[in-house]
Amino acid sequence: MSERVMPGRTDGLIPLDAADALWVDLTAGSAVPAASGAFTCSPAHARAGYVLLGDHAVATVRASGGQWSVPEVEVRRAAAELNAVGMDRQDLVRIGPFRGAPRQECNEETPLRWRRRIAGELQELGGPERAARREVGRSYHLAGIDWRQILVEQTRDGTQRTWWLPRAVVRLLDAAEHTETQWVQAARTRQASTAVTEPPSRPRQPRASDGRQTTSPEGPTASLRPYNKELEGQLYSVLSRKPGTSRRVAGWACAVCRTAPATVLDHCHEHGYVRAPLCQSCNTLERPDHLYSNDIRVANRYTRLFHTDTDDWLRHWHRCRGCRARTTLPLPHLAAWTAHTACRSLRPTHRAPRGRTPCGVLRVSWTGSHQAPRSCLFTVAVDFCPSGEHRVLAQVPYREAAERFRTWLAETAPAVAAAAGPDRLDDLPAQFRPVIADTSGEGPALF
């Protein structure tokens, strides 16, 4: 590697051990715990020309004495971005293990592969041995983040273990993996097109605290494309079989949070239409928490779906032509909305040290299907009541729930409601393709 450094960075180089100490010092108050050894311990890749710190790639330079160094200003910038990340330790995303999940391809050009790395390290040793190994002082970090401090392990029936990380950290690590991929691709392109030996300019995709994407003063940034309805109206069953679809999806930013790289193509399971490309975190956030095929637990994340970020999510769900034309939501989402929003006043509360807290855990189940609305009924109940006195709170027919949702939508998100409705004949699906077959013989009487 050339001993020259990027323009404007010739004076501020510090060795990797000093950068490690600086990184820990600057991120001491961060909500996301930073790790010592981010520069000097595995999985650092100083000789590849960069080190990942959060979703920020810091370029490395080999000085005349053979010592590896980094620009101090870049370490400080990465620390400032990590400090700006807020983290809710209760808002968790399951990261494994997943039974029957497809094996990840081994791509040596993107060494982060954080889900695979976590799975490998957690399966390496048993409980007591793992704790002892941690005490020895082995550094566990990914992109400068000490993930072991925030990992949550849960067991089911005392046998099956699952692993969870806060949603903010999942988004951060997904963005870091994307940053590394862009770096490697840009480096390969430059090597193929020119024989210049200067270190590559730093393609990265950092995120500011308010969600805006920032650019590097040293060179052009490999940015994600915003999604602009390019796939609207297409059937997922057709598009998912086309070659190159996954690569195309990876080029977009998530259509909901608009900051993380998209990894999946979200679609409506009732109508079959593509909604938009999403990041793994947003796709997990909107997934119903099924207990059984017709029974879901109304988790705390529904506060974000129907209150905090409601406009973004309603707009996303109505990217499906079927839901938009009928001004409704897929059956599990409509059931969750009915329990969480329409039946909010029915939920009992109990006295607590700081006022009153909602009783137990909300659950909603249904009989029938959306294709037989006369026989479809939502049952809203409370589980795990401290006093054991509450059971069924309400039973709401599907038609009534759909009508309540239309009224609420017009008040909550008027722009989304104005774009919906059966009067927009140009948006009606040509052929309705329900996932749940109607066996009652009633047919789609509501529609």
Protein backbone atom coordinates (compact mmCIF):
# COMPACT_ATOMS: atom_id res chain seq x y z
CA MET A 1 0.00 0.00 0.00
CA SER A 2 1.21 3.49 -0.77
CA GLU A 3 2.62 5.55 2.06
CA ARG A 4 0.77 8.58 0.81
CA VAL A 5 -2.48 9.46 2.47
CA MET A 6 -5.64 11.12 1.28
CA PRO A 7 -5.51 14.87 0.56
CA GLY A 8 -6.13 16.90 3.69
CA ARG A 9 -5.29 13.98 6.02
CA THR A 10 -1.49 14.12 6.03
CA ASP A 11 -1.14 15.68 9.49
CA GLY A 12 -3.71 13.90 11.64
CA LEU A 13 -2.61 10.24 11.61
CA ILE A 14 -2.50 8.24 14.85
CA PRO A 15 -1.38 4.61 15.36
CA LEU A 16 -4.01 1.89 15.79
CA ASP A 17 -3.42 1.37 19.52
CA ALA A 18 -3.90 5.10 20.14
CA ALA A 19 -7.01 5.03 17.95
CA ASP A 20 -8.38 2.17 20.08
CA ALA A 21 -7.97 4.19 23.26
CA LEU A 22 -9.51 7.25 21.60
CA TRP A 23 -12.48 5.24 20.32
CA VAL A 24 -13.31 3.87 23.80
CA ASP A 25 -12.88 7.27 25.43
CA LEU A 26 -15.08 9.13 22.93
CA THR A 27 -17.89 6.54 23.06
CA ALA A 28 -17.97 6.08 26.84
CA GLY A 29 -21.42 7.68 27.08
CA SER A 30 -22.95 6.04 24.00
CA ALA A 31 -26.21 4.09 24.31
CA VAL A 32 -24.59 1.44 22.08
CA PRO A 33 -21.61 -0.06 23.96
CA ALA A 34 -18.35 0.34 22.06
CA ALA A 35 -15.57 -2.25 22.23
CA SER A 36 -11.89 -1.88 22.94
CA GLY A 37 -9.80 -3.65 20.36
CA ALA A 38 -11.86 -2.41 17.44
CA PHE A 39 -8.66 -1.54 15.55
CA THR A 40 -6.14 -4.00 16.92
CA CYS A 41 -8.12 -7.22 17.48
CA SER A 42 -10.07 -9.48 15.16
CA PRO A 43 -12.25 -8.81 13.19
CA ALA A 44 -10.32 -5.66 12.24
CA HIS A 45 -9.09 -5.48 8.65
CA ALA A 46 -6.46 -2.77 8.69
CA ARG A 47 -4.48 -4.31 5.85
CA ALA A 48 -7.57 -4.25 3.62
CA GLY A 49 -7.48 -0.46 3.75
CA TYR A 50 -10.28 0.18 6.23
CA VAL A 51 -11.69 -0.56 9.67
CA LEU A 52 -15.44 -0.55 10.36
CA LEU A 53 -16.69 1.58 13.27
CA GLY A 54 -20.45 1.41 13.40
CA ASP A 55 -21.70 2.16 9.89
CA HIS A 56 -18.58 4.23 9.24
CA ALA A 57 -15.52 2.97 7.35
CA VAL A 58 -12.25 4.49 8.59
CA ALA A 59 -9.39 4.31 6.09
CA THR A 60 -6.05 2.87 7.25
CA VAL A 61 -2.61 3.97 6.09
CA ARG A 62 0.78 2.28 6.46
CA ALA A 63 3.36 4.82 7.52
CA SER A 64 7.06 4.79 6.63
CA GLY A 65 8.03 2.79 9.73
CA GLY A 66 5.66 -0.01 8.82
CA GLN A 67 3.18 1.10 11.44
CA TRP A 68 -0.51 1.19 10.56
CA SER A 69 -2.33 4.44 11.29
CA VAL A 70 -5.72 6.06 10.82
CA PRO A 71 -6.87 9.69 10.52
CA GLU A 72 -7.85 10.91 13.98
CA VAL A 73 -10.62 13.09 12.58
CA GLU A 74 -12.32 10.01 11.07
CA VAL A 75 -12.25 8.18 14.41
CA ARG A 76 -13.85 11.21 16.05
CA ARG A 77 -16.49 11.41 13.33
CA ALA A 78 -17.37 7.73 13.71
CA ALA A 79 -17.60 8.15 17.49
CA ALA A 80 -19.93 11.14 17.12
CA GLU A 81 -22.22 9.12 14.84
CA LEU A 82 -22.32 6.21 17.28
CA ASN A 83 -23.07 8.55 20.18
CA ALA A 84 -26.04 9.92 18.24
CA VAL A 85 -27.70 6.49 17.96
CA GLY A 86 -30.54 5.97 20.41
CA MET A 87 -31.29 2.45 21.62
CA ASP A 88 -34.38 0.95 23.22
CA ARG A 89 -33.29 -2.22 25.03
CA GLN A 90 -36.89 -3.47 25.02
CA ASP A 91 -37.30 -3.19 21.23
CA LEU A 92 -35.62 -6.44 20.21
CA VAL A 93 -35.12 -8.25 16.90
CA ARG A 94 -34.49 -11.98 16.76
CA ILE A 95 -31.21 -12.72 15.00
CA GLY A 96 -31.15 -16.52 15.29
CA PRO A 97 -31.09 -19.35 15.16
CA PHE A 98 -33.69 -19.84 12.43
CA ARG A 99 -34.74 -23.36 11.61
CA GLY A 100 -34.66 -24.03 7.89
CA ALA A 101 -33.07 -20.67 7.03
CA PRO A 102 -31.01 -20.68 3.82
CA ARG A 103 -27.26 -20.87 4.33
CA GLN A 104 -25.39 -17.65 3.72
CA GLU A 105 -22.89 -17.65 0.93
CA CYS A 106 -19.29 -17.38 2.05
CA ASN A 107 -18.06 -14.14 0.53
CA GLU A 108 -14.53 -13.43 1.69
CA GLU A 109 -14.70 -9.90 0.28
CA THR A 110 -17.17 -8.84 2.98
CA PRO A 111 -15.75 -10.34 6.20
CA LEU A 112 -18.28 -8.75 8.57
CA ARG A 113 -21.28 -11.07 7.93
CA TRP A 114 -22.33 -10.26 11.48
CA ARG A 115 -25.25 -12.69 11.82
CA ARG A 116 -23.07 -15.59 10.74
CA ARG A 117 -20.25 -14.50 13.03
CA ILE A 118 -22.52 -14.21 16.08
CA ALA A 119 -24.10 -17.59 15.40
CA GLY A 120 -20.68 -19.19 15.07
CA GLU A 121 -19.31 -17.73 18.30
CA LEU A 122 -22.42 -18.54 20.35
CA GLN A 123 -22.51 -22.15 19.16
CA GLU A 124 -18.80 -22.58 19.79
CA LEU A 125 -19.01 -23.16 23.56
CA GLY A 126 -21.55 -24.03 26.25
CA GLY A 127 -22.79 -21.72 29.00
CA PRO A 128 -20.15 -21.98 31.80
CA GLU A 129 -17.28 -22.33 29.33
CA ARG A 130 -18.53 -19.31 27.45
CA ALA A 131 -18.61 -17.20 30.60
CA ALA A 132 -15.10 -18.32 31.56
CA ARG A 133 -13.83 -17.50 28.11
CA ARG A 134 -15.28 -14.02 28.34
CA GLU A 135 -13.45 -13.47 31.60
CA VAL A 136 -10.13 -14.34 29.96
CA GLY A 137 -10.44 -11.07 28.08
CA ARG A 138 -11.22 -12.12 24.54
CA SER A 139 -12.62 -9.18 22.61
CA TYR A 140 -16.08 -9.70 21.14
CA HIS A 141 -16.97 -6.92 18.81
CA LEU A 142 -18.50 -6.19 15.45
CA ALA A 143 -17.83 -2.87 13.74
CA GLY A 144 -16.47 -1.52 17.03
CA ILE A 145 -19.62 -2.57 18.96
CA ASP A 146 -19.46 -4.91 21.96
CA TRP A 147 -22.51 -6.98 21.02
CA ARG A 148 -22.18 -9.35 24.00
CA GLN A 149 -23.16 -6.58 26.41
CA ILE A 150 -26.54 -6.15 24.71
CA LEU A 151 -27.28 -9.66 23.48
CA VAL A 152 -30.44 -11.19 24.94
CA GLU A 153 -30.75 -14.97 25.10
CA GLN A 154 -34.18 -16.51 25.59
CA THR A 155 -35.16 -20.13 26.08
CA ARG A 156 -38.36 -21.93 25.23
CA ASP A 157 -39.35 -24.91 27.38
CA GLY A 158 -35.82 -24.88 28.79
CA THR A 159 -34.35 -26.29 25.59
CA GLN A 160 -34.37 -24.06 22.53
CA ARG A 161 -32.28 -20.89 22.78
CA THR A 162 -32.93 -17.80 20.67
CA TRP A 163 -30.76 -14.69 20.37
CA TRP A 164 -31.97 -11.10 20.18
CA LEU A 165 -30.39 -7.67 19.71
CA PRO A 166 -31.91 -4.18 20.01
CA ARG A 167 -33.40 -2.97 16.73
CA ALA A 168 -31.13 0.10 16.58
CA VAL A 169 -28.05 -2.15 16.73
CA VAL A 170 -29.41 -4.48 14.04
CA ARG A 171 -29.87 -1.50 11.72
CA LEU A 172 -26.40 -0.24 12.56
CA LEU A 173 -24.76 -3.59 11.78
CA ASP A 174 -26.76 -4.00 8.58
CA ALA A 175 -25.57 -0.57 7.48
CA ALA A 176 -21.97 -1.50 8.37
CA GLU A 177 -22.23 -4.64 6.25
CA HIS A 178 -23.53 -2.55 3.36
CA THR A 179 -20.72 -0.01 3.83
CA GLU A 180 -18.15 -2.80 3.64
CA THR A 181 -19.74 -4.25 0.50
CA GLN A 182 -19.67 -0.85 -1.21
CA TRP A 183 -16.04 -0.34 -0.19
CA VAL A 184 -14.95 -3.66 -1.67
CA GLN A 185 -16.91 -3.14 -4.88
CA ALA A 186 -15.46 0.34 -5.36
CA ALA A 187 -11.93 -0.96 -4.71
CA ARG A 188 -12.37 -3.73 -7.30
CA THR A 189 -13.69 -1.25 -9.84
CA ARG A 190 -10.73 1.05 -9.35
CA GLN A 191 -8.25 -1.81 -9.58
CA ALA A 192 -9.79 -2.90 -12.86
CA SER A 193 -9.89 0.57 -14.40
CA THR A 194 -6.66 2.20 -13.27
CA ALA A 195 -3.12 1.36 -12.16
CA VAL A 196 -2.86 4.27 -9.73
CA THR A 197 -1.46 3.10 -6.39
CA GLU A 198 -3.11 5.70 -4.17
CA PRO A 199 -5.43 4.28 -1.50
CA PRO A 200 -9.06 4.29 -2.63
CA SER A 201 -11.32 7.11 -1.65
CA ARG A 202 -13.66 6.00 1.07
CA PRO A 203 -17.09 4.91 -0.15
CA ARG A 204 -19.29 4.65 2.88
CA GLN A 205 -22.90 5.14 3.84
CA PRO A 206 -23.00 6.74 7.29
CA ARG A 207 -26.15 7.96 8.92
CA ALA A 208 -26.66 11.14 10.84
CA SER A 209 -28.64 11.18 14.06
CA ASP A 210 -31.75 12.49 12.28
CA GLY A 211 -31.65 9.76 9.65
CA ARG A 212 -30.05 11.86 6.88
CA GLN A 213 -27.29 10.29 4.82
CA THR A 214 -23.98 12.07 4.98
CA THR A 215 -21.16 12.20 2.46
CA SER A 216 -17.40 12.14 2.77
CA PRO A 217 -15.30 15.21 1.90
CA GLU A 218 -12.57 12.96 0.53
CA GLY A 219 -14.44 11.49 -2.41
CA PRO A 220 -17.76 10.40 -3.91
CA THR A 221 -20.12 8.25 -1.90
CA ALA A 222 -21.73 5.04 -3.12
CA SER A 223 -25.30 6.02 -2.14
CA LEU A 224 -28.46 3.95 -2.00
CA ARG A 225 -31.26 4.73 -4.42
CA PRO A 226 -34.54 5.90 -2.87
CA TYR A 227 -37.47 3.68 -3.77
CA ASN A 228 -39.91 5.48 -6.13
CA LYS A 229 -42.67 2.92 -6.80
CA GLU A 230 -40.62 1.09 -9.44
CA LEU A 231 -42.22 -2.24 -8.50
CA GLU A 232 -45.75 -1.01 -7.77
CA GLY A 233 -48.55 -3.30 -8.96
CA GLN A 234 -46.30 -6.28 -9.65
CA LEU A 235 -47.08 -9.72 -8.25
CA TYR A 236 -44.52 -11.10 -5.83
CA SER A 237 -44.98 -14.65 -7.14
CA VAL A 238 -43.79 -13.47 -10.57
CA LEU A 239 -41.10 -10.99 -9.53
CA SER A 240 -39.44 -13.28 -6.96
CA ARG A 241 -38.67 -15.83 -9.68
CA LYS A 242 -36.93 -13.37 -11.97
CA PRO A 243 -33.11 -13.63 -11.93
CA GLY A 244 -31.27 -10.69 -10.43
CA THR A 245 -34.18 -9.55 -8.23
CA SER A 246 -32.19 -9.85 -4.98
CA ARG A 247 -29.32 -7.80 -6.39
CA ARG A 248 -31.75 -5.16 -7.58
CA VAL A 249 -33.42 -4.96 -4.16
CA ALA A 250 -30.02 -4.49 -2.46
CA GLY A 251 -29.48 -1.28 -4.44
CA TRP A 252 -32.42 0.52 -2.80
CA ALA A 253 -32.70 2.17 0.59
CA CYS A 254 -35.40 0.79 2.88
CA ALA A 255 -38.73 2.31 1.78
CA VAL A 256 -39.86 2.87 5.41
CA CYS A 257 -36.87 4.08 7.45
CA ARG A 258 -35.06 5.29 4.28
CA THR A 259 -31.64 4.94 5.94
CA ALA A 260 -30.66 1.27 6.01
CA PRO A 261 -30.00 -0.82 2.88
CA ALA A 262 -32.93 -2.94 1.72
CA THR A 263 -32.52 -6.71 2.09
CA VAL A 264 -36.00 -8.15 1.47
CA LEU A 265 -38.91 -7.52 -0.87
CA ASP A 266 -41.98 -7.05 1.29
CA HIS A 267 -45.34 -8.11 -0.15
CA CYS A 268 -48.96 -8.49 0.90
CA HIS A 269 -49.73 -12.11 1.76
CA GLU A 270 -53.45 -11.67 1.11
CA HIS A 271 -53.39 -10.00 -2.29
CA GLY A 272 -49.97 -11.10 -3.54
CA TYR A 273 -48.77 -7.64 -4.59
CA VAL A 274 -45.28 -6.28 -3.95
CA ARG A 275 -45.19 -3.42 -1.48
CA ALA A 276 -41.58 -2.22 -1.43
CA PRO A 277 -37.98 -3.22 -0.55
CA LEU A 278 -37.33 -3.09 3.20
CA CYS A 279 -34.40 -3.57 5.54
CA GLN A 280 -34.49 -6.64 7.79
CA SER A 281 -35.28 -4.51 10.85
CA CYS A 282 -38.38 -2.85 9.36
CA ASN A 283 -39.57 -6.13 7.87
CA THR A 284 -39.36 -7.74 11.34
CA LEU A 285 -41.09 -4.78 12.97
CA GLU A 286 -44.25 -5.12 10.85
CA ARG A 287 -44.45 -8.91 11.03
CA PRO A 288 -47.44 -10.06 13.14
CA ASP A 289 -46.48 -11.88 16.32
CA HIS A 290 -48.35 -15.11 15.56
CA LEU A 291 -49.08 -17.55 18.35
CA TYR A 292 -51.08 -19.71 15.96
CA SER A 293 -52.23 -19.20 12.38
CA ASN A 294 -55.28 -17.22 13.57
CA ASP A 295 -54.03 -15.85 16.88
CA ILE A 296 -51.53 -13.03 17.47
CA ARG A 297 -50.10 -11.31 20.52
CA VAL A 298 -50.31 -7.51 20.35
CA ALA A 299 -46.74 -6.58 21.29
CA ASN A 300 -45.35 -3.17 22.26
CA ARG A 301 -44.04 -2.58 18.74
CA TYR A 302 -47.60 -1.85 17.60
CA THR A 303 -47.29 1.48 19.37
CA ARG A 304 -44.84 2.50 16.65
CA LEU A 305 -46.91 0.99 13.85
CA PHE A 306 -50.16 2.68 14.85
CA HIS A 307 -49.00 5.77 16.76
CA THR A 308 -45.39 6.93 16.52
CA ASP A 309 -44.65 6.14 12.85
CA THR A 310 -48.21 5.50 11.75
CA ASP A 311 -48.18 7.60 8.57
CA ASP A 312 -45.11 5.82 7.16
CA TRP A 313 -46.51 2.37 7.90
CA LEU A 314 -50.02 3.06 6.60
CA ARG A 315 -48.53 4.43 3.41
CA HIS A 316 -46.36 1.33 3.13
CA TRP A 317 -49.23 -1.13 3.66
CA HIS A 318 -51.30 0.71 1.06
CA ARG A 319 -48.61 0.17 -1.54
CA CYS A 320 -50.52 -3.07 -2.07
CA ARG A 321 -53.15 -2.34 -4.71
CA GLY A 322 -55.65 -4.69 -3.08
CA CYS A 323 -55.43 -3.08 0.39
CA ARG A 324 -55.44 0.42 -1.11
CA ALA A 325 -58.50 -0.19 -3.28
CA ARG A 326 -60.46 -1.68 -0.39
CA THR A 327 -59.18 0.82 2.22
CA THR A 328 -58.24 -1.92 4.64
CA LEU A 329 -55.28 -3.82 6.04
CA PRO A 330 -54.31 -7.49 5.76
CA LEU A 331 -56.31 -9.57 8.22
CA PRO A 332 -53.58 -10.00 10.93
CA HIS A 333 -52.75 -6.27 10.86
CA LEU A 334 -56.43 -5.27 10.99
CA ALA A 335 -56.91 -7.64 13.93
CA ALA A 336 -53.92 -6.09 15.75
CA TRP A 337 -55.21 -2.57 15.02
CA THR A 338 -58.64 -3.50 16.38
CA ALA A 339 -57.15 -4.80 19.64
CA HIS A 340 -54.51 -2.09 20.07
CA THR A 341 -56.44 0.98 18.90
CA ALA A 342 -60.18 0.44 18.54
CA CYS A 343 -60.45 -1.49 21.84
CA ARG A 344 -57.94 0.60 23.78
CA SER A 345 -60.56 2.03 26.15
CA LEU A 346 -61.71 -1.48 27.10
CA ARG A 347 -58.37 -2.64 28.43
CA PRO A 348 -58.35 -2.68 32.24
CA THR A 349 -55.56 -1.14 34.29
CA HIS A 350 -54.04 -2.02 37.65
CA ARG A 351 -52.62 0.13 40.39
CA ALA A 352 -48.83 0.49 40.23
CA PRO A 353 -46.18 2.45 42.18
CA ARG A 354 -46.25 5.16 39.50
CA GLY A 355 -49.93 5.43 38.65
CA ARG A 356 -51.73 2.65 36.78
CA THR A 357 -50.44 0.16 34.21
CA PRO A 358 -52.37 -1.69 31.47
CA CYS A 359 -53.48 -5.15 32.44
CA GLY A 360 -51.62 -8.22 31.17
CA VAL A 361 -50.86 -8.81 27.49
CA LEU A 362 -53.32 -8.16 24.67
CA ARG A 363 -54.18 -11.01 22.34
CA VAL A 364 -56.53 -11.12 19.38
CA SER A 365 -57.79 -14.17 17.50
CA TRP A 366 -60.25 -14.63 14.67
CA THR A 367 -62.57 -17.19 13.16
CA GLY A 368 -63.28 -17.38 9.44
CA SER A 369 -61.40 -15.30 6.89
CA HIS A 370 -61.54 -11.92 5.19
CA GLN A 371 -63.15 -13.64 2.20
CA ALA A 372 -66.15 -14.57 4.34
CA PRO A 373 -66.71 -11.29 6.24
CA ARG A 374 -70.14 -12.26 7.58
CA SER A 375 -68.62 -15.15 9.50
CA CYS A 376 -65.26 -13.50 10.38
CA LEU A 377 -65.09 -12.40 14.01
CA PHE A 378 -62.26 -10.84 16.03
CA THR A 379 -61.96 -11.78 19.71
CA VAL A 380 -59.85 -9.42 21.84
CA ALA A 381 -58.65 -10.84 25.16
CA VAL A 382 -56.13 -10.22 27.94
CA ASP A 383 -53.56 -12.84 28.92
CA PHE A 384 -51.47 -12.96 32.12
CA CYS A 385 -53.73 -10.73 34.16
CA PRO A 386 -52.12 -10.26 37.63
CA SER A 387 -55.43 -10.88 39.41
CA GLY A 388 -56.76 -13.41 36.93
CA GLU A 389 -60.13 -11.69 36.55
CA HIS A 390 -60.03 -10.49 32.94
CA ARG A 391 -60.62 -12.69 29.95
CA VAL A 392 -62.45 -11.62 26.77
CA LEU A 393 -62.70 -7.86 26.32
CA ALA A 394 -64.65 -7.63 23.07
CA GLN A 395 -65.83 -9.50 20.02
CA VAL A 396 -65.80 -7.37 16.86
CA PRO A 397 -67.18 -8.54 13.49
CA TYR A 398 -64.80 -8.11 10.56
CA ARG A 399 -67.10 -5.66 8.76
CA GLU A 400 -67.35 -3.44 11.83
CA ALA A 401 -63.55 -3.51 12.32
CA ALA A 402 -62.99 -2.59 8.66
CA GLU A 403 -65.44 0.32 8.92
CA ARG A 404 -63.82 1.58 12.12
CA PHE A 405 -60.42 1.43 10.42
CA ARG A 406 -61.65 3.52 7.45
CA THR A 407 -62.95 6.20 9.81
CA TRP A 408 -59.74 6.19 11.84
CA LEU A 409 -57.58 6.29 8.70
CA ALA A 410 -59.38 9.40 7.40
CA GLU A 411 -58.71 11.16 10.71
CA THR A 412 -55.15 9.92 11.29
CA ALA A 413 -53.65 9.90 7.79
CA PRO A 414 -55.90 11.91 5.46
CA ALA A 415 -53.38 11.78 2.58
CA VAL A 416 -53.30 7.97 2.71
CA ALA A 417 -57.10 7.78 2.96
CA ALA A 418 -57.53 10.17 0.00
CA ALA A 419 -55.44 7.86 -2.21
CA ALA A 420 -57.52 4.82 -1.27
CA GLY A 421 -61.04 3.63 -1.94
CA PRO A 422 -63.09 1.70 -4.50
CA ASP A 423 -63.71 4.84 -6.59
CA ARG A 424 -60.12 4.57 -7.88
CA LEU A 425 -60.89 2.00 -10.55
CA ASP A 426 -57.44 2.35 -12.09
CA ASP A 427 -55.93 0.88 -8.93
CA LEU A 428 -58.28 -2.07 -8.54
CA PRO A 429 -56.43 -5.38 -8.80
CA ALA A 430 -57.19 -7.21 -12.02
CA GLN A 431 -57.49 -10.53 -10.19
CA PHE A 432 -57.83 -10.98 -6.45
CA ARG A 433 -55.56 -13.76 -5.18
CA PRO A 434 -56.28 -14.52 -1.51
CA VAL A 435 -53.92 -16.75 0.42
CA ILE A 436 -56.71 -18.19 2.60
CA ALA A 437 -59.28 -20.09 0.56
CA ASP A 438 -62.94 -19.44 1.35
CA THR A 439 -64.55 -22.80 2.12
CA SER A 440 -67.85 -21.45 3.46
CA GLY A 441 -69.37 -20.84 0.02
CA GLU A 442 -70.23 -17.23 0.96
CA GLY A 443 -67.64 -15.66 -1.31
CA PRO A 444 -66.26 -12.09 -1.07
CA ALA A 445 -69.57 -10.59 0.04
CA LEU A 446 -67.97 -7.50 1.53
CA PHE A 447 -66.40 -6.50 -1.75
